[in-house]
Protein backbone atom coordinates (compact mmCIF):
# COMPACT_ATOMS: atom_id res chain seq x y z
CA MET A 1 14.95 17.76 10.82
CA ALA A 2 11.06 17.91 10.50
CA ARG A 3 10.06 20.19 7.85
CA TYR A 4 6.74 21.93 7.57
CA VAL A 5 4.47 24.64 6.63
CA ILE A 6 1.05 25.80 8.63
CA SER A 7 -1.43 27.52 6.38
CA PRO A 8 -2.93 30.36 7.62
CA ALA A 9 -6.42 28.67 8.18
CA ALA A 10 -4.33 26.54 10.71
CA GLU A 11 -2.79 29.34 12.04
CA ARG A 12 -5.99 31.12 12.60
CA ASP A 13 -7.54 27.53 13.99
CA MET A 14 -4.59 27.28 16.70
CA GLU A 15 -5.16 30.85 17.80
CA SER A 16 -8.73 30.43 18.42
CA ILE A 17 -8.10 26.81 20.19
CA LEU A 18 -5.30 28.53 22.40
CA ALA A 19 -7.83 31.47 23.12
CA TRP A 20 -10.48 29.19 24.19
CA SER A 21 -7.99 26.65 26.57
CA GLU A 22 -6.90 29.91 27.89
CA GLY A 23 -10.42 31.19 28.82
CA ARG A 24 -11.19 27.80 29.96
CA PHE A 25 -8.33 26.60 31.76
CA GLY A 26 -5.96 29.42 32.37
CA VAL A 27 -2.51 30.31 31.24
CA GLN A 28 -1.29 26.52 32.37
CA GLY A 29 -4.13 25.02 30.04
CA ARG A 30 -3.08 27.30 27.14
CA LEU A 31 0.41 26.64 27.59
CA ARG A 32 -0.02 22.68 27.72
CA TYR A 33 -2.37 22.77 24.97
CA GLU A 34 0.05 24.90 22.95
CA ALA A 35 2.69 22.04 23.98
CA LEU A 36 0.58 19.83 22.42
CA LEU A 37 -0.03 20.95 19.37
CA VAL A 38 3.70 21.90 18.81
CA GLN A 39 4.59 18.13 19.50
CA GLY A 40 2.08 17.08 17.20
CA ILE A 41 3.32 19.19 14.26
CA LEU A 42 6.46 18.13 14.85
CA ASP A 43 5.43 14.08 15.20
CA VAL A 44 3.34 14.48 11.57
CA ALA A 45 6.58 16.43 10.25
CA ASP A 46 8.97 13.82 11.01
CA ASP A 47 6.72 10.72 10.15
CA PRO A 48 3.61 11.67 8.20
CA GLN A 49 2.49 8.07 8.11
CA ARG A 50 3.04 7.46 11.67
CA PRO A 51 0.73 5.17 13.69
CA GLY A 52 -2.59 7.05 14.08
CA SER A 53 -2.81 9.09 11.11
CA HIS A 54 -5.02 8.24 8.59
CA THR A 55 -5.29 8.68 4.52
CA ARG A 56 -8.55 11.32 3.97
CA SER A 57 -8.58 10.01 0.13
CA GLU A 58 -12.41 11.64 0.15
CA ILE A 59 -10.79 15.13 0.37
CA ALA A 60 -7.51 14.94 -1.84
CA ALA A 61 -5.31 12.10 -2.86
CA SER A 62 -2.61 12.88 -0.65
CA ALA A 63 -4.87 14.35 2.21
CA ARG A 64 -4.10 12.84 5.94
CA THR A 65 -5.57 13.57 9.54
CA TYR A 66 -3.65 13.09 12.83
CA HIS A 67 -5.53 12.93 16.40
CA LEU A 68 -3.45 14.62 18.62
CA SER A 69 -4.48 12.46 21.33
CA HIS A 70 -1.55 10.12 19.96
CA SER A 71 0.86 12.88 21.03
CA ARG A 72 -0.52 13.70 24.34
CA MET A 73 2.33 11.55 25.89
CA ARG A 74 5.23 12.79 24.06
CA VAL A 75 4.81 16.14 25.30
CA ALA A 76 7.25 16.94 28.22
CA ALA A 77 5.97 16.14 31.89
CA ASP A 78 7.24 19.45 33.15
CA VAL A 79 4.90 21.23 30.99
CA GLY A 80 1.98 18.61 31.76
CA HIS A 81 -0.47 16.70 29.58
CA VAL A 82 -3.63 17.69 28.15
CA ARG A 83 -5.97 15.22 29.44
CA ARG A 84 -8.38 14.54 26.57
CA PRO A 85 -7.17 16.23 23.47
CA ARG A 86 -9.96 17.27 21.16
CA HIS A 87 -8.49 18.06 17.81
CA PHE A 88 -7.16 16.88 14.87
CA LEU A 89 -4.59 17.90 12.21
CA LEU A 90 -5.40 18.00 8.45
CA TYR A 91 -2.25 17.47 6.58
CA ARG A 92 -0.62 16.26 3.49
CA THR A 93 3.18 15.58 2.24
CA ARG A 94 4.15 17.48 -0.90
CA GLU A 95 6.63 15.83 -3.25
CA ASP A 96 9.60 17.90 -1.94
CA GLY A 97 9.05 16.23 1.29
CA LEU A 98 7.63 19.25 3.15
CA VAL A 99 4.79 18.59 5.26
CA GLU A 100 1.84 21.03 4.86
CA ILE A 101 -0.46 21.40 7.95
CA GLY A 102 -3.59 22.62 6.34
CA ARG A 103 -6.19 22.98 9.46
CA VAL A 104 -6.71 22.03 12.93
CA LEU A 105 -10.18 21.19 13.54
CA HIS A 106 -11.95 19.94 16.76
CA GLU A 107 -12.92 15.94 16.11
CA ARG A 108 -16.66 17.02 16.31
CA MET A 109 -16.75 19.14 13.23
CA ASP A 110 -17.57 17.77 10.05
CA LEU A 111 -14.36 17.71 8.17
CA PRO A 112 -16.06 18.14 4.18
CA GLN A 113 -17.31 21.47 5.24
CA GLN A 114 -14.27 23.00 6.88
CA VAL A 115 -11.95 22.33 4.07
CA PRO A 116 -11.70 24.86 1.43
CA ASP A 117 -11.97 24.04 -2.21
CA VAL A 118 -8.34 25.04 -2.40
CA TYR A 119 -7.47 21.57 -0.28
CA ARG A 120 -9.14 19.65 -2.48
CA ARG A 121 -7.02 20.01 -5.60
CA GLN A 122 -3.66 17.81 -5.81
CA SER A 123 -1.48 20.89 -7.15
CA ALA A 124 -2.91 23.29 -4.65
CA ASP A 125 -0.39 24.95 -2.51
CA TRP A 126 -2.08 24.56 1.07
CA GLY A 127 0.64 27.57 2.50
CA ARG A 128 -1.37 29.90 0.46
CA GLU A 129 -5.29 30.79 0.21
């Protein structure tokens, strides 16, 4: 079973993304994006090195990103697919195998400016801020 933890910053990111999705595309749009977020998190927790993920050593030695577009077609058809996902996960795998989701960011954001210093420290627990 995939094991993961979501940082408070990533939780806030997701709340904001889902509120925007609902405002723009209605409840069904929110549900589609929520299903995509869950699928993306499960995908990287199951295989942190999965195709489409990228090492981000400029942030931290263990940091990786994964664009949600790579999980788009893995969401159940009855929920519906997000046509053009715009977000990616920033995460890392701890030595004990737990995947930590640090942020969920828009693809146009300047990544280095969005990453708190605590995420850059190798020994920091991304689950706390």
